């Protein structure tokens, strides 16, 4: 996979939304608009959703064919 393909995958809508939400909630936490508990809850939800979607869209090459 070349650099252009990697960059294209990085700049898809899910990635932009995830990075944007992370940045927004970091700013809100630093300004003490939300508590650290609220930040961790929201951040964990967003990140787990993002990585779960990434896992679902990537092919599973670890499975072996059964004979």
N, C-alpha and C. Protein backbone atom coordinates (compact mmCIF):
# COMPACT_ATOMS: atom_id res chain seq x y z
N UNK A 1 0.86 -1.17 0.00
CA UNK A 1 0.00 0.00 0.00
C UNK A 1 0.91 1.24 0.00
N UNK A 2 0.65 2.12 -0.93
CA UNK A 2 1.51 3.31 -1.00
C UNK A 2 0.98 4.44 -0.13
N UNK A 3 1.72 5.50 -0.08
CA UNK A 3 1.39 6.63 0.81
C UNK A 3 0.07 7.28 0.42
N UNK A 4 -0.21 7.40 -0.87
CA UNK A 4 -1.47 8.02 -1.31
C UNK A 4 -2.68 7.22 -0.83
N UNK A 5 -2.59 5.90 -0.91
CA UNK A 5 -3.70 5.06 -0.46
C UNK A 5 -3.90 5.16 1.05
N UNK A 6 -2.79 5.18 1.79
CA UNK A 6 -2.88 5.32 3.24
C UNK A 6 -3.49 6.66 3.62
N UNK A 7 -3.09 7.72 2.93
CA UNK A 7 -3.63 9.05 3.21
C UNK A 7 -5.11 9.11 2.86
N UNK A 8 -5.50 8.48 1.77
CA UNK A 8 -6.91 8.46 1.38
C UNK A 8 -7.76 7.74 2.42
N UNK A 9 -7.23 6.64 2.97
CA UNK A 9 -7.97 5.92 4.01
C UNK A 9 -8.06 6.73 5.29
N UNK A 10 -7.02 7.49 5.59
CA UNK A 10 -7.01 8.30 6.80
C UNK A 10 -8.04 9.43 6.72
N UNK A 11 -8.24 9.95 5.53
CA UNK A 11 -9.12 11.10 5.36
C UNK A 11 -10.49 10.65 4.86
N UNK A 12 -11.06 9.67 5.52
CA UNK A 12 -12.44 9.34 5.21
C UNK A 12 -13.34 9.95 6.30
N UNK A 13 -14.61 9.91 6.10
CA UNK A 13 -15.54 10.60 6.98
C UNK A 13 -15.45 10.10 8.42
N UNK A 14 -15.36 8.80 8.61
CA UNK A 14 -15.30 8.25 9.97
C UNK A 14 -14.07 8.75 10.71
N UNK A 15 -12.96 8.80 10.01
CA UNK A 15 -11.73 9.27 10.66
C UNK A 15 -11.83 10.74 11.02
N UNK A 16 -12.37 11.54 10.14
CA UNK A 16 -12.51 12.98 10.40
C UNK A 16 -13.44 13.21 11.59
N UNK A 17 -14.55 12.49 11.63
CA UNK A 17 -15.49 12.63 12.74
C UNK A 17 -14.84 12.20 14.05
N UNK A 18 -14.12 11.10 14.03
CA UNK A 18 -13.47 10.61 15.25
C UNK A 18 -12.42 11.58 15.76
N UNK A 19 -11.57 12.07 14.88
CA UNK A 19 -10.53 13.02 15.28
C UNK A 19 -11.17 14.34 15.74
N UNK A 20 -12.21 14.78 15.04
CA UNK A 20 -12.90 16.01 15.43
C UNK A 20 -13.54 15.91 16.80
N UNK A 21 -14.26 14.83 17.04
CA UNK A 21 -14.89 14.64 18.34
C UNK A 21 -13.86 14.53 19.45
N UNK A 22 -12.76 13.84 19.18
CA UNK A 22 -11.70 13.73 20.17
C UNK A 22 -11.14 15.10 20.52
N UNK A 23 -10.88 15.91 19.51
CA UNK A 23 -10.34 17.25 19.74
C UNK A 23 -11.33 18.12 20.52
N UNK A 24 -12.59 18.07 20.15
CA UNK A 24 -13.61 18.88 20.82
C UNK A 24 -13.72 18.48 22.29
N UNK A 25 -13.79 17.19 22.56
CA UNK A 25 -13.93 16.76 23.95
C UNK A 25 -12.67 17.00 24.76
N UNK A 26 -11.51 16.97 24.12
CA UNK A 26 -10.27 17.34 24.83
C UNK A 26 -10.31 18.81 25.24
N UNK A 27 -10.75 19.66 24.33
CA UNK A 27 -10.85 21.09 24.63
C UNK A 27 -11.86 21.33 25.75
N UNK A 28 -13.02 20.69 25.67
CA UNK A 28 -14.03 20.85 26.72
C UNK A 28 -13.53 20.37 28.07
N UNK A 29 -12.76 19.29 28.07
CA UNK A 29 -12.22 18.78 29.33
C UNK A 29 -11.18 19.72 29.90
N UNK A 30 -10.33 20.28 29.03
CA UNK A 30 -9.31 21.21 29.50
C UNK A 30 -9.91 22.51 30.03
N UNK A 31 -11.02 22.94 29.44
CA UNK A 31 -11.71 24.15 29.92
C UNK A 31 -12.62 23.84 31.10
N UNK A 32 -12.64 22.59 31.52
CA UNK A 32 -13.46 22.11 32.64
C UNK A 32 -14.96 22.32 32.44
N UNK A 33 -15.38 22.24 31.18
CA UNK A 33 -16.81 22.28 30.87
C UNK A 33 -17.44 20.92 31.17
N UNK A 34 -16.68 19.86 30.92
CA UNK A 34 -17.12 18.52 31.26
C UNK A 34 -16.11 17.92 32.24
N UNK A 35 -16.57 16.97 33.03
CA UNK A 35 -15.69 16.34 34.01
C UNK A 35 -14.84 15.27 33.33
N UNK A 36 -13.82 14.82 34.03
CA UNK A 36 -12.95 13.79 33.47
C UNK A 36 -13.71 12.48 33.28
N UNK A 37 -14.66 12.21 34.15
CA UNK A 37 -15.47 10.99 34.02
C UNK A 37 -16.32 11.04 32.75
N UNK A 38 -16.95 12.18 32.51
CA UNK A 38 -17.74 12.34 31.29
C UNK A 38 -16.86 12.23 30.05
N UNK A 39 -15.67 12.84 30.11
CA UNK A 39 -14.75 12.78 28.99
C UNK A 39 -14.37 11.34 28.68
N UNK A 40 -13.99 10.58 29.71
CA UNK A 40 -13.57 9.20 29.49
C UNK A 40 -14.72 8.34 28.96
N UNK A 41 -15.92 8.58 29.42
CA UNK A 41 -17.08 7.83 28.94
C UNK A 41 -17.30 8.10 27.46
N UNK A 42 -17.33 9.36 27.09
CA UNK A 42 -17.58 9.74 25.70
C UNK A 42 -16.42 9.29 24.80
N UNK A 43 -15.19 9.54 25.25
CA UNK A 43 -14.02 9.19 24.46
C UNK A 43 -13.94 7.68 24.23
N UNK A 44 -14.21 6.90 25.26
CA UNK A 44 -14.19 5.44 25.14
C UNK A 44 -15.25 4.97 24.15
N UNK A 45 -16.42 5.56 24.21
CA UNK A 45 -17.50 5.20 23.30
C UNK A 45 -17.12 5.50 21.86
N UNK A 46 -16.60 6.68 21.61
CA UNK A 46 -16.24 7.09 20.25
C UNK A 46 -15.12 6.21 19.70
N UNK A 47 -14.07 6.02 20.48
CA UNK A 47 -12.92 5.24 20.02
C UNK A 47 -13.29 3.77 19.81
N UNK A 48 -14.06 3.20 20.73
CA UNK A 48 -14.45 1.80 20.56
C UNK A 48 -15.34 1.62 19.34
N UNK A 49 -16.23 2.56 19.08
CA UNK A 49 -17.07 2.49 17.89
C UNK A 49 -16.21 2.57 16.64
N UNK A 50 -15.25 3.49 16.63
CA UNK A 50 -14.39 3.67 15.46
C UNK A 50 -13.58 2.42 15.17
N UNK A 51 -12.93 1.87 16.20
CA UNK A 51 -12.10 0.69 15.97
C UNK A 51 -12.94 -0.55 15.69
N UNK A 52 -14.13 -0.62 16.22
CA UNK A 52 -15.02 -1.74 15.90
C UNK A 52 -15.41 -1.68 14.42
N UNK A 53 -15.71 -0.50 13.93
CA UNK A 53 -16.04 -0.34 12.52
C UNK A 53 -14.84 -0.66 11.64
N UNK A 54 -13.64 -0.26 12.05
CA UNK A 54 -12.43 -0.57 11.29
C UNK A 54 -12.23 -2.09 11.23
N UNK A 55 -12.48 -2.77 12.33
CA UNK A 55 -12.30 -4.21 12.39
C UNK A 55 -13.30 -4.91 11.46
N UNK A 56 -14.52 -4.41 11.41
CA UNK A 56 -15.54 -5.02 10.57
C UNK A 56 -15.25 -4.83 9.08
N UNK A 57 -14.59 -3.74 8.71
CA UNK A 57 -14.37 -3.45 7.31
C UNK A 57 -13.08 -4.07 6.77
N UNK A 58 -12.18 -4.50 7.64
CA UNK A 58 -10.94 -5.11 7.18
C UNK A 58 -11.14 -6.61 7.05
N UNK A 59 -10.58 -7.21 6.00
CA UNK A 59 -10.73 -8.66 5.84
C UNK A 59 -9.96 -9.42 6.90
N UNK A 60 -10.53 -10.53 7.32
CA UNK A 60 -9.89 -11.35 8.35
C UNK A 60 -8.99 -12.37 7.67
N UNK A 61 -7.69 -12.17 7.77
CA UNK A 61 -6.75 -13.08 7.12
C UNK A 61 -6.23 -14.13 8.09
N UNK A 62 -6.69 -14.10 9.33
CA UNK A 62 -6.20 -15.05 10.32
C UNK A 62 -6.99 -16.35 10.32
N UNK A 63 -8.16 -16.34 9.70
CA UNK A 63 -8.97 -17.56 9.66
C UNK A 63 -8.39 -18.54 8.66
N UNK A 64 -8.35 -19.80 9.04
CA UNK A 64 -7.85 -20.84 8.16
C UNK A 64 -9.04 -21.62 7.60
N UNK A 65 -8.88 -22.04 6.37
CA UNK A 65 -9.94 -22.83 5.77
C UNK A 65 -9.98 -24.21 6.39
N UNK A 66 -11.19 -24.67 6.68
CA UNK A 66 -11.34 -26.01 7.22
C UNK A 66 -11.57 -26.98 6.09
N UNK A 67 -10.89 -28.12 6.13
CA UNK A 67 -11.02 -29.13 5.07
C UNK A 67 -12.08 -30.14 5.41
